Amino acid sequence: MTPDDLRAVQKRREPPTVRTQWMQVLMQNRLIFPALSGATRPPLALRLMQWFPVLRRIPARLMGMGFQPEHIRH
């Protein structure tokens, strides 16, 4: 692998990585922290996930897989 190859990988992977990390911080600060700190009422996003369990998959997938998951080519 050459330095040009590595630069190409970084160019492709950096934007989705930055978006994924931004989303993780946002979820921590806006959803998780208020819920754990005993806020009087959970944020709307958490209430919607409680009412519609299928919505729980969205943040879990984004947190775990990111915005642009890589696939291994054979």
PDB file of N, CA and C in Angstrom:
ATOM      1  N   MET A   1       0.852  -1.166   0.000  1.00  0.00           N
ATOM      2  CA  MET A   1       0.000   0.000   0.000  1.00  0.00           C
ATOM      3  C   MET A   1       0.906   1.240   0.000  1.00  0.00           C
ATOM      4  N   THR A   2       0.563   2.194  -0.840  1.00  0.00           N
ATOM      5  CA  THR A   2       1.382   3.396  -0.987  1.00  0.00           C
ATOM      6  C   THR A   2       0.789   4.550  -0.162  1.00  0.00           C
ATOM      7  N   PRO A   3       1.575   5.601   0.055  1.00  0.00           N
ATOM      8  CA  PRO A   3       1.009   6.780   0.740  1.00  0.00           C
ATOM      9  C   PRO A   3      -0.211   7.355   0.011  1.00  0.00           C
ATOM     10  N   ASP A   4      -0.228   7.293  -1.305  1.00  0.00           N
ATOM     11  CA  ASP A   4      -1.404   7.768  -2.053  1.00  0.00           C
ATOM     12  C   ASP A   4      -2.636   6.918  -1.746  1.00  0.00           C
ATOM     13  N   ASP A   5      -2.435   5.609  -1.613  1.00  0.00           N
ATOM     14  CA  ASP A   5      -3.550   4.726  -1.241  1.00  0.00           C
ATOM     15  C   ASP A   5      -4.091   5.107   0.132  1.00  0.00           C
ATOM     16  N   LEU A   6      -3.188   5.346   1.065  1.00  0.00           N
ATOM     17  CA  LEU A   6      -3.607   5.710   2.418  1.00  0.00           C
ATOM     18  C   LEU A   6      -4.335   7.049   2.436  1.00  0.00           C
ATOM     19  N   ARG A   7      -3.874   8.007   1.642  1.00  0.00           N
ATOM     20  CA  ARG A   7      -4.556   9.295   1.553  1.00  0.00           C
ATOM     21  C   ARG A   7      -5.968   9.121   0.975  1.00  0.00           C
ATOM     22  N   ALA A   8      -6.101   8.249   0.001  1.00  0.00           N
ATOM     23  CA  ALA A   8      -7.421   8.004  -0.596  1.00  0.00           C
ATOM     24  C   ALA A   8      -8.377   7.387   0.431  1.00  0.00           C
ATOM     25  N   VAL A   9      -7.875   6.461   1.232  1.00  0.00           N
ATOM     26  CA  VAL A   9      -8.705   5.850   2.277  1.00  0.00           C
ATOM     27  C   VAL A   9      -9.120   6.912   3.293  1.00  0.00           C
ATOM     28  N   GLN A  10      -8.165   7.736   3.715  1.00  0.00           N
ATOM     29  CA  GLN A  10      -8.488   8.777   4.685  1.00  0.00           C
ATOM     30  C   GLN A  10      -9.508   9.758   4.114  1.00  0.00           C
ATOM     31  N   LYS A  11      -9.348  10.141   2.869  1.00  0.00           N
ATOM     32  CA  LYS A  11     -10.276  11.074   2.233  1.00  0.00           C
ATOM     33  C   LYS A  11     -11.688  10.487   2.188  1.00  0.00           C
ATOM     34  N   ARG A  12     -11.787   9.187   1.941  1.00  0.00           N
ATOM     35  CA  ARG A  12     -13.082   8.525   1.866  1.00  0.00           C
ATOM     36  C   ARG A  12     -13.687   8.324   3.259  1.00  0.00           C
ATOM     37  N   ARG A  13     -12.869   8.007   4.252  1.00  0.00           N
ATOM     38  CA  ARG A  13     -13.381   7.630   5.565  1.00  0.00           C
ATOM     39  C   ARG A  13     -13.535   8.786   6.556  1.00  0.00           C
ATOM     40  N   GLU A  14     -12.793   9.867   6.361  1.00  0.00           N
ATOM     41  CA  GLU A  14     -12.833  10.933   7.359  1.00  0.00           C
ATOM     42  C   GLU A  14     -14.206  11.612   7.491  1.00  0.00           C
ATOM     43  N   PRO A  15     -14.880  12.005   6.407  1.00  0.00           N
ATOM     44  CA  PRO A  15     -16.185  12.671   6.577  1.00  0.00           C
ATOM     45  C   PRO A  15     -17.230  11.831   7.324  1.00  0.00           C
ATOM     46  N   PRO A  16     -17.427  10.542   6.982  1.00  0.00           N
ATOM     47  CA  PRO A  16     -18.415   9.789   7.754  1.00  0.00           C
ATOM     48  C   PRO A  16     -17.984   9.568   9.204  1.00  0.00           C
ATOM     49  N   THR A  17     -16.680   9.493   9.446  1.00  0.00           N
ATOM     50  CA  THR A  17     -16.195   9.331  10.818  1.00  0.00           C
ATOM     51  C   THR A  17     -16.497  10.578  11.636  1.00  0.00           C
ATOM     52  N   VAL A  18     -16.264  11.741  11.066  1.00  0.00           N
ATOM     53  CA  VAL A  18     -16.560  12.996  11.762  1.00  0.00           C
ATOM     54  C   VAL A  18     -18.057  13.096  12.040  1.00  0.00           C
ATOM     55  N   ARG A  19     -18.904  12.742  11.068  1.00  0.00           N
ATOM     56  CA  ARG A  19     -20.361  12.792  11.275  1.00  0.00           C
ATOM     57  C   ARG A  19     -20.796  11.811  12.357  1.00  0.00           C
ATOM     58  N   THR A  20     -20.233  10.609  12.352  1.00  0.00           N
ATOM     59  CA  THR A  20     -20.576   9.603  13.352  1.00  0.00           C
ATOM     60  C   THR A  20     -20.195  10.091  14.740  1.00  0.00           C
ATOM     61  N   GLN A  21     -18.996  10.639  14.893  1.00  0.00           N
ATOM     62  CA  GLN A  21     -18.565  11.118  16.207  1.00  0.00           C
ATOM     63  C   GLN A  21     -19.408  12.305  16.661  1.00  0.00           C
ATOM     64  N   TRP A  22     -19.773  13.196  15.740  1.00  0.00           N
ATOM     65  CA  TRP A  22     -20.638  14.322  16.082  1.00  0.00           C
ATOM     66  C   TRP A  22     -21.989  13.812  16.587  1.00  0.00           C
ATOM     67  N   MET A  23     -22.559  12.822  15.889  1.00  0.00           N
ATOM     68  CA  MET A  23     -23.845  12.263  16.281  1.00  0.00           C
ATOM     69  C   MET A  23     -23.750  11.586  17.649  1.00  0.00           C
ATOM     70  N   GLN A  24     -22.651  10.907  17.940  1.00  0.00           N
ATOM     71  CA  GLN A  24     -22.482  10.259  19.231  1.00  0.00           C
ATOM     72  C   GLN A  24     -22.438  11.285  20.361  1.00  0.00           C
ATOM     73  N   VAL A  25     -21.729  12.381  20.153  1.00  0.00           N
ATOM     74  CA  VAL A  25     -21.656  13.441  21.166  1.00  0.00           C
ATOM     75  C   VAL A  25     -23.032  14.077  21.346  1.00  0.00           C
ATOM     76  N   LEU A  26     -23.718  14.338  20.248  1.00  0.00           N
ATOM     77  CA  LEU A  26     -25.052  14.922  20.317  1.00  0.00           C
ATOM     78  C   LEU A  26     -26.004  14.029  21.111  1.00  0.00           C
ATOM     79  N   MET A  27     -25.991  12.739  20.819  1.00  0.00           N
ATOM     80  CA  MET A  27     -26.865  11.807  21.541  1.00  0.00           C
ATOM     81  C   MET A  27     -26.511  11.764  23.024  1.00  0.00           C
ATOM     82  N   GLN A  28     -25.224  11.761  23.321  1.00  0.00           N
ATOM     83  CA  GLN A  28     -24.795  11.748  24.718  1.00  0.00           C
ATOM     84  C   GLN A  28     -25.294  12.992  25.446  1.00  0.00           C
ATOM     85  N   ASN A  29     -25.083  14.155  24.836  1.00  0.00           N
ATOM     86  CA  ASN A  29     -25.411  15.418  25.499  1.00  0.00           C
ATOM     87  C   ASN A  29     -26.900  15.725  25.532  1.00  0.00           C
ATOM     88  N   ARG A  30     -27.621  15.359  24.479  1.00  0.00           N
ATOM     89  CA  ARG A  30     -29.035  15.747  24.376  1.00  0.00           C
ATOM     90  C   ARG A  30     -30.009  14.671  24.832  1.00  0.00           C
ATOM     91  N   LEU A  31     -29.583  13.399  24.791  1.00  0.00           N
ATOM     92  CA  LEU A  31     -30.507  12.321  25.141  1.00  0.00           C
ATOM     93  C   LEU A  31     -30.085  11.565  26.390  1.00  0.00           C
ATOM     94  N   ILE A  32     -28.882  11.033  26.369  1.00  0.00           N
ATOM     95  CA  ILE A  32     -28.459  10.131  27.441  1.00  0.00           C
ATOM     96  C   ILE A  32     -28.240  10.886  28.752  1.00  0.00           C
ATOM     97  N   PHE A  33     -27.448  11.965  28.717  1.00  0.00           N
ATOM     98  CA  PHE A  33     -27.178  12.709  29.936  1.00  0.00           C
ATOM     99  C   PHE A  33     -28.451  13.232  30.590  1.00  0.00           C
ATOM    100  N   PRO A  34     -29.358  13.896  29.857  1.00  0.00           N
ATOM    101  CA  PRO A  34     -30.593  14.364  30.513  1.00  0.00           C
ATOM    102  C   PRO A  34     -31.424  13.214  31.102  1.00  0.00           C
ATOM    103  N   ALA A  35     -31.461  12.079  30.405  1.00  0.00           N
ATOM    104  CA  ALA A  35     -32.245  10.947  30.911  1.00  0.00           C
ATOM    105  C   ALA A  35     -31.644  10.402  32.203  1.00  0.00           C
ATOM    106  N   LEU A  36     -30.318  10.322  32.271  1.00  0.00           N
ATOM    107  CA  LEU A  36     -29.666   9.782  33.461  1.00  0.00           C
ATOM    108  C   LEU A  36     -29.599  10.780  34.611  1.00  0.00           C
ATOM    109  N   SER A  37     -29.680  12.061  34.315  1.00  0.00           N
ATOM    110  CA  SER A  37     -29.569  13.073  35.368  1.00  0.00           C
ATOM    111  C   SER A  37     -30.897  13.324  36.076  1.00  0.00           C
ATOM    112  N   GLY A  38     -31.923  12.606  35.681  1.00  0.00           N
ATOM    113  CA  GLY A  38     -33.213  12.753  36.346  1.00  0.00           C
ATOM    114  C   GLY A  38     -34.001  13.953  35.868  1.00  0.00           C
ATOM    115  N   ALA A  39     -33.842  14.303  34.614  1.00  0.00           N
ATOM    116  CA  ALA A  39     -34.627  15.400  34.052  1.00  0.00           C
ATOM    117  C   ALA A  39     -36.102  15.115  34.297  1.00  0.00           C
ATOM    118  N   THR A  40     -36.877  16.135  34.469  1.00  0.00           N
ATOM    119  CA  THR A  40     -38.283  15.951  34.811  1.00  0.00           C
ATOM    120  C   THR A  40     -39.037  15.146  33.759  1.00  0.00           C
ATOM    121  N   ARG A  41     -38.636  15.306  32.517  1.00  0.00           N
ATOM    122  CA  ARG A  41     -39.309  14.572  31.437  1.00  0.00           C
ATOM    123  C   ARG A  41     -38.262  14.179  30.404  1.00  0.00           C
ATOM    124  N   PRO A  42     -38.262  12.923  29.982  1.00  0.00           N
ATOM    125  CA  PRO A  42     -37.281  12.523  28.968  1.00  0.00           C
ATOM    126  C   PRO A  42     -37.485  13.301  27.671  1.00  0.00           C
ATOM    127  N   PRO A  43     -36.404  13.523  26.925  1.00  0.00           N
ATOM    128  CA  PRO A  43     -36.534  14.217  25.642  1.00  0.00           C
ATOM    129  C   PRO A  43     -37.511  13.485  24.718  1.00  0.00           C
ATOM    130  N   LEU A  44     -38.091  14.234  23.796  1.00  0.00           N
ATOM    131  CA  LEU A  44     -39.078  13.672  22.869  1.00  0.00           C
ATOM    132  C   LEU A  44     -38.528  12.458  22.132  1.00  0.00           C
ATOM    133  N   ALA A  45     -37.273  12.521  21.712  1.00  0.00           N
ATOM    134  CA  ALA A  45     -36.701  11.391  20.970  1.00  0.00           C
ATOM    135  C   ALA A  45     -36.753  10.106  21.795  1.00  0.00           C
ATOM    136  N   LEU A  46     -36.441  10.191  23.084  1.00  0.00           N
ATOM    137  CA  LEU A  46     -36.489   8.998  23.935  1.00  0.00           C
ATOM    138  C   LEU A  46     -37.924   8.533  24.157  1.00  0.00           C
ATOM    139  N   ARG A  47     -38.847   9.480  24.297  1.00  0.00           N
ATOM    140  CA  ARG A  47     -40.256   9.085  24.463  1.00  0.00           C
ATOM    141  C   ARG A  47     -40.778   8.387  23.205  1.00  0.00           C
ATOM    142  N   LEU A  48     -40.393   8.911  22.036  1.00  0.00           N
ATOM    143  CA  LEU A  48     -40.817   8.258  20.789  1.00  0.00           C
ATOM    144  C   LEU A  48     -40.258   6.841  20.697  1.00  0.00           C
ATOM    145  N   MET A  49     -39.010   6.666  21.122  1.00  0.00           N
ATOM    146  CA  MET A  49     -38.422   5.315  21.096  1.00  0.00           C
ATOM    147  C   MET A  49     -39.118   4.392  22.079  1.00  0.00           C
ATOM    148  N   GLN A  50     -39.615   4.950  23.183  1.00  0.00           N
ATOM    149  CA  GLN A  50     -40.351   4.139  24.149  1.00  0.00           C
ATOM    150  C   GLN A  50     -41.694   3.717  23.567  1.00  0.00           C
ATOM    151  N   TRP A  51     -42.356   4.628  22.877  1.00  0.00           N
ATOM    152  CA  TRP A  51     -43.666   4.340  22.306  1.00  0.00           C
ATOM    153  C   TRP A  51     -43.582   3.473  21.055  1.00  0.00           C
ATOM    154  N   PHE A  52     -42.509   3.639  20.271  1.00  0.00           N
ATOM    155  CA  PHE A  52     -42.340   2.903  19.022  1.00  0.00           C
ATOM    156  C   PHE A  52     -40.982   2.200  19.045  1.00  0.00           C
ATOM    157  N   PRO A  53     -40.914   1.007  19.631  1.00  0.00           N
ATOM    158  CA  PRO A  53     -39.631   0.325  19.807  1.00  0.00           C
ATOM    159  C   PRO A  53     -38.826   0.149  18.520  1.00  0.00           C
ATOM    160  N   VAL A  54     -39.466   0.091  17.371  1.00  0.00           N
ATOM    161  CA  VAL A  54     -38.728  -0.075  16.121  1.00  0.00           C
ATOM    162  C   VAL A  54     -37.773   1.100  15.885  1.00  0.00           C
ATOM    163  N   LEU A  55     -38.093   2.281  16.437  1.00  0.00           N
ATOM    164  CA  LEU A  55     -37.229   3.459  16.278  1.00  0.00           C
ATOM    165  C   LEU A  55     -35.899   3.306  17.005  1.00  0.00           C
ATOM    166  N   ARG A  56     -35.828   2.397  17.969  1.00  0.00           N
ATOM    167  CA  ARG A  56     -34.585   2.185  18.719  1.00  0.00           C
ATOM    168  C   ARG A  56     -33.461   1.686  17.826  1.00  0.00           C
ATOM    169  N   ARG A  57     -33.822   1.085  16.730  1.00  0.00           N
ATOM    170  CA  ARG A  57     -32.809   0.542  15.820  1.00  0.00           C
ATOM    171  C   ARG A  57     -31.989   1.636  15.141  1.00  0.00           C
ATOM    172  N   ILE A  58     -32.605   2.785  14.904  1.00  0.00           N
ATOM    173  CA  ILE A  58     -31.936   3.845  14.141  1.00  0.00           C
ATOM    174  C   ILE A  58     -30.701   4.369  14.861  1.00  0.00           C
ATOM    175  N   PRO A  59     -30.828   4.896  16.102  1.00  0.00           N
ATOM    176  CA  PRO A  59     -29.613   5.381  16.762  1.00  0.00           C
ATOM    177  C   PRO A  59     -28.633   4.255  17.074  1.00  0.00           C
ATOM    178  N   ALA A  60     -29.140   3.067  17.380  1.00  0.00           N
ATOM    179  CA  ALA A  60     -28.242   1.956  17.669  1.00  0.00           C
ATOM    180  C   ALA A  60     -27.409   1.600  16.440  1.00  0.00           C
ATOM    181  N   ARG A  61     -28.031   1.575  15.295  1.00  0.00           N
ATOM    182  CA  ARG A  61     -27.293   1.268  14.063  1.00  0.00           C
ATOM    183  C   ARG A  61     -26.289   2.367  13.731  1.00  0.00           C
ATOM    184  N   LEU A  62     -26.714   3.624  13.840  1.00  0.00           N
ATOM    185  CA  LEU A  62     -25.802   4.726  13.549  1.00  0.00           C
ATOM    186  C   LEU A  62     -24.631   4.750  14.523  1.00  0.00           C
ATOM    187  N   MET A  63     -24.903   4.497  15.801  1.00  0.00           N
ATOM    188  CA  MET A  63     -23.817   4.493  16.784  1.00  0.00           C
ATOM    189  C   MET A  63     -22.863   3.332  16.521  1.00  0.00           C
ATOM    190  N   GLY A  64     -23.407   2.192  16.161  1.00  0.00           N
ATOM    191  CA  GLY A  64     -22.574   1.005  15.977  1.00  0.00           C
ATOM    192  C   GLY A  64     -21.901   0.910  14.617  1.00  0.00           C
ATOM    193  N   MET A  65     -22.617   1.297  13.570  1.00  0.00           N
ATOM    194  CA  MET A  65     -22.107   1.112  12.208  1.00  0.00           C
ATOM    195  C   MET A  65     -21.612   2.400  11.566  1.00  0.00           C
ATOM    196  N   GLY A  66     -22.087   3.530  12.041  1.00  0.00           N
ATOM    197  CA  GLY A  66     -21.688   4.795  11.447  1.00  0.00           C
ATOM    198  C   GLY A  66     -22.541   5.116  10.228  1.00  0.00           C
ATOM    199  N   PHE A  67     -22.195   6.219   9.592  1.00  0.00           N
ATOM    200  CA  PHE A  67     -22.972   6.701   8.444  1.00  0.00           C
ATOM    201  C   PHE A  67     -22.586   6.022   7.135  1.00  0.00           C
ATOM    202  N   GLN A  68     -21.407   5.489   7.062  1.00  0.00           N
ATOM    203  CA  GLN A  68     -20.941   4.869   5.825  1.00  0.00           C
ATOM    204  C   GLN A  68     -20.127   3.619   6.174  1.00  0.00           C
ATOM    205  N   PRO A  69     -20.829   2.526   6.533  1.00  0.00           N
ATOM    206  CA  PRO A  69     -20.099   1.318   6.914  1.00  0.00           C
ATOM    207  C   PRO A  69     -19.257   0.786   5.753  1.00  0.00           C
ATOM    208  N   GLU A  70     -18.114   0.278   6.088  1.00  0.00           N
ATOM    209  CA  GLU A  70     -17.229  -0.308   5.080  1.00  0.00           C
ATOM    210  C   GLU A  70     -17.648  -1.748   4.823  1.00  0.00           C
ATOM    211  N   HIS A  71     -17.426  -2.180   3.610  1.00  0.00           N
ATOM    212  CA  HIS A  71     -17.709  -3.559   3.228  1.00  0.00           C
ATOM    213  C   HIS A  71     -16.427  -4.157   2.661  1.00  0.00           C
ATOM    214  N   ILE A  72     -16.152  -5.370   3.058  1.00  0.00           N
ATOM    215  CA  ILE A  72     -14.955  -6.044   2.572  1.00  0.00           C
ATOM    216  C   ILE A  72     -15.262  -6.688   1.218  1.00  0.00           C
ATOM    217  N   ARG A  73     -14.447  -6.381   0.256  1.00  0.00           N
ATOM    218  CA  ARG A  73     -14.614  -6.985  -1.076  1.00  0.00           C
ATOM    219  C   ARG A  73     -13.701  -8.191  -1.175  1.00  0.00           C
ATOM    220  N   HIS A  74     -14.222  -9.246  -1.742  1.00  0.00           N
ATOM    221  CA  HIS A  74     -13.427 -10.476  -1.902  1.00  0.00           C
ATOM    222  C   HIS A  74     -12.678 -10.467  -3.209  1.00  0.00           C
TER     223      HIS A  74
END
